[in-house]
Amino acid sequence: MKQLGELQTKVLQIIQKNKDLQNENRALRLKNEQLLAQKNKLETNENENFKSLENEKLVIKSSIEDLLKSINSLEDTSTQITK
């Protein structure tokens, strides 16, 4: 009878440990999902920032090209005036 009682105690401990591990597993899965969502959001922001920087780069490049054209035009006008 004593062995049966000890066995029952061990079984109950194992059942409790299993429940505890299941709860911990659920909590870790939830945390994992939250981290995955955060990672996806950061990747989206990174892509948007990259696109924004690329657009800004194109605007700056276009402005510089326009300035160079203006300078060349002024130089040509200046050259024609001095002739």
C-alpha atoms as a PDB file:
ATOM      1  CA  MET A   1       0.000   0.000   0.000  1.00  0.00           C
ATOM      2  CA  LYS A   2       2.873   2.334   0.783  1.00  0.00           C
ATOM      3  CA  GLN A   3       4.345   1.783  -2.685  1.00  0.00           C
ATOM      4  CA  LEU A   4       1.005   2.574  -4.264  1.00  0.00           C
ATOM      5  CA  GLY A   5       0.842   5.843  -2.338  1.00  0.00           C
ATOM      6  CA  GLU A   6       4.389   6.759  -3.392  1.00  0.00           C
ATOM      7  CA  LEU A   7       3.601   5.889  -6.997  1.00  0.00           C
ATOM      8  CA  GLN A   8       0.436   7.990  -6.873  1.00  0.00           C
ATOM      9  CA  THR A   9       2.440  10.924  -5.467  1.00  0.00           C
ATOM     10  CA  LYS A  10       5.027  10.583  -8.231  1.00  0.00           C
ATOM     11  CA  VAL A  11       2.313  10.422 -10.892  1.00  0.00           C
ATOM     12  CA  LEU A  12       0.653  13.557  -9.494  1.00  0.00           C
ATOM     13  CA  GLN A  13       4.027  15.338  -9.460  1.00  0.00           C
ATOM     14  CA  ILE A  14       4.625  14.345 -13.066  1.00  0.00           C
ATOM     15  CA  ILE A  15       1.140  15.536 -14.044  1.00  0.00           C
ATOM     16  CA  GLN A  16       1.754  18.876 -12.314  1.00  0.00           C
ATOM     17  CA  LYS A  17       5.177  19.213 -13.951  1.00  0.00           C
ATOM     18  CA  ASN A  18       3.566  18.496 -17.332  1.00  0.00           C
ATOM     19  CA  LYS A  19       0.944  21.211 -16.733  1.00  0.00           C
ATOM     20  CA  ASP A  20       3.659  23.663 -15.696  1.00  0.00           C
ATOM     21  CA  LEU A  21       5.684  22.874 -18.831  1.00  0.00           C
ATOM     22  CA  GLN A  22       2.601  23.257 -21.032  1.00  0.00           C
ATOM     23  CA  ASN A  23       1.920  26.684 -19.498  1.00  0.00           C
ATOM     24  CA  GLU A  24       5.534  27.691 -19.993  1.00  0.00           C
ATOM     25  CA  ASN A  25       5.382  26.433 -23.566  1.00  0.00           C
ATOM     26  CA  ARG A  26       2.253  28.537 -24.255  1.00  0.00           C
ATOM     27  CA  ALA A  27       3.907  31.614 -22.788  1.00  0.00           C
ATOM     28  CA  LEU A  28       7.049  31.072 -24.863  1.00  0.00           C
ATOM     29  CA  ARG A  29       5.031  30.538 -28.036  1.00  0.00           C
ATOM     30  CA  LEU A  30       3.164  33.783 -27.390  1.00  0.00           C
ATOM     31  CA  LYS A  31       6.437  35.616 -26.802  1.00  0.00           C
ATOM     32  CA  ASN A  32       7.799  34.084 -30.007  1.00  0.00           C
ATOM     33  CA  GLU A  33       4.777  35.312 -31.967  1.00  0.00           C
ATOM     34  CA  GLN A  34       5.213  38.805 -30.513  1.00  0.00           C
ATOM     35  CA  LEU A  35       8.889  38.844 -31.438  1.00  0.00           C
ATOM     36  CA  LEU A  36       8.088  37.613 -34.948  1.00  0.00           C
ATOM     37  CA  ALA A  37       5.528  40.398 -35.385  1.00  0.00           C
ATOM     38  CA  GLN A  38       8.079  42.938 -34.113  1.00  0.00           C
ATOM     39  CA  LYS A  39      10.705  41.575 -36.526  1.00  0.00           C
ATOM     40  CA  ASN A  40       8.282  41.826 -39.443  1.00  0.00           C
ATOM     41  CA  LYS A  41       7.396  45.394 -38.492  1.00  0.00           C
ATOM     42  CA  LEU A  42      11.072  46.346 -38.285  1.00  0.00           C
ATOM     43  CA  GLU A  43      11.754  44.765 -41.668  1.00  0.00           C
ATOM     44  CA  THR A  44       8.842  46.682 -43.176  1.00  0.00           C
ATOM     45  CA  ASN A  45      10.127  49.935 -41.666  1.00  0.00           C
ATOM     46  CA  GLU A  46      13.610  49.165 -42.946  1.00  0.00           C
ATOM     47  CA  ASN A  47      12.283  48.600 -46.467  1.00  0.00           C
ATOM     48  CA  GLU A  48      10.238  51.805 -46.336  1.00  0.00           C
ATOM     49  CA  ASN A  49      13.266  53.755 -45.082  1.00  0.00           C
ATOM     50  CA  PHE A  50      15.407  52.301 -47.863  1.00  0.00           C
ATOM     51  CA  LYS A  51      12.853  53.297 -50.498  1.00  0.00           C
ATOM     52  CA  SER A  52      12.583  56.769 -48.979  1.00  0.00           C
ATOM     53  CA  LEU A  53      16.361  57.195 -49.023  1.00  0.00           C
ATOM     54  CA  GLU A  54      16.531  55.980 -52.618  1.00  0.00           C
ATOM     55  CA  ASN A  55      13.875  58.526 -53.610  1.00  0.00           C
ATOM     56  CA  GLU A  56      15.729  61.275 -51.762  1.00  0.00           C
ATOM     57  CA  LYS A  57      18.937  60.242 -53.501  1.00  0.00           C
ATOM     58  CA  LEU A  58      17.219  60.536 -56.891  1.00  0.00           C
ATOM     59  CA  VAL A  59      15.872  63.991 -56.006  1.00  0.00           C
ATOM     60  CA  ILE A  60      19.340  65.169 -54.956  1.00  0.00           C
ATOM     61  CA  LYS A  61      20.905  63.696 -58.093  1.00  0.00           C
ATOM     62  CA  SER A  62      18.302  65.405 -60.263  1.00  0.00           C
ATOM     63  CA  SER A  63      18.873  68.718 -58.472  1.00  0.00           C
ATOM     64  CA  ILE A  64      22.609  68.464 -58.983  1.00  0.00           C
ATOM     65  CA  GLU A  65      22.128  67.677 -62.676  1.00  0.00           C
ATOM     66  CA  ASP A  66      19.825  70.686 -63.011  1.00  0.00           C
ATOM     67  CA  LEU A  67      22.390  72.885 -61.261  1.00  0.00           C
ATOM     68  CA  LEU A  68      25.138  71.648 -63.566  1.00  0.00           C
ATOM     69  CA  LYS A  69      22.973  72.394 -66.591  1.00  0.00           C
ATOM     70  CA  SER A  70      22.319  75.886 -65.243  1.00  0.00           C
ATOM     71  CA  ILE A  71      26.034  76.450 -64.651  1.00  0.00           C
ATOM     72  CA  ASN A  72      26.853  75.236 -68.154  1.00  0.00           C
ATOM     73  CA  SER A  73      24.170  77.460 -69.601  1.00  0.00           C
ATOM     74  CA  LEU A  74      25.536  80.464 -67.677  1.00  0.00           C
ATOM     75  CA  GLU A  75      29.055  79.653 -68.844  1.00  0.00           C
ATOM     76  CA  ASP A  76      27.857  79.425 -72.438  1.00  0.00           C
ATOM     77  CA  THR A  77      26.025  82.728 -72.095  1.00  0.00           C
ATOM     78  CA  SER A  78      29.064  84.319 -70.514  1.00  0.00           C
ATOM     79  CA  THR A  79      31.304  83.010 -73.277  1.00  0.00           C
ATOM     80  CA  GLN A  80      28.950  84.369 -75.940  1.00  0.00           C
ATOM     81  CA  ILE A  81      28.793  87.777 -74.255  1.00  0.00           C
ATOM     82  CA  THR A  82      32.558  88.077 -74.018  1.00  0.00           C
ATOM     83  CA  LYS A  83      33.006  87.263 -77.712  1.00  0.00           C
END
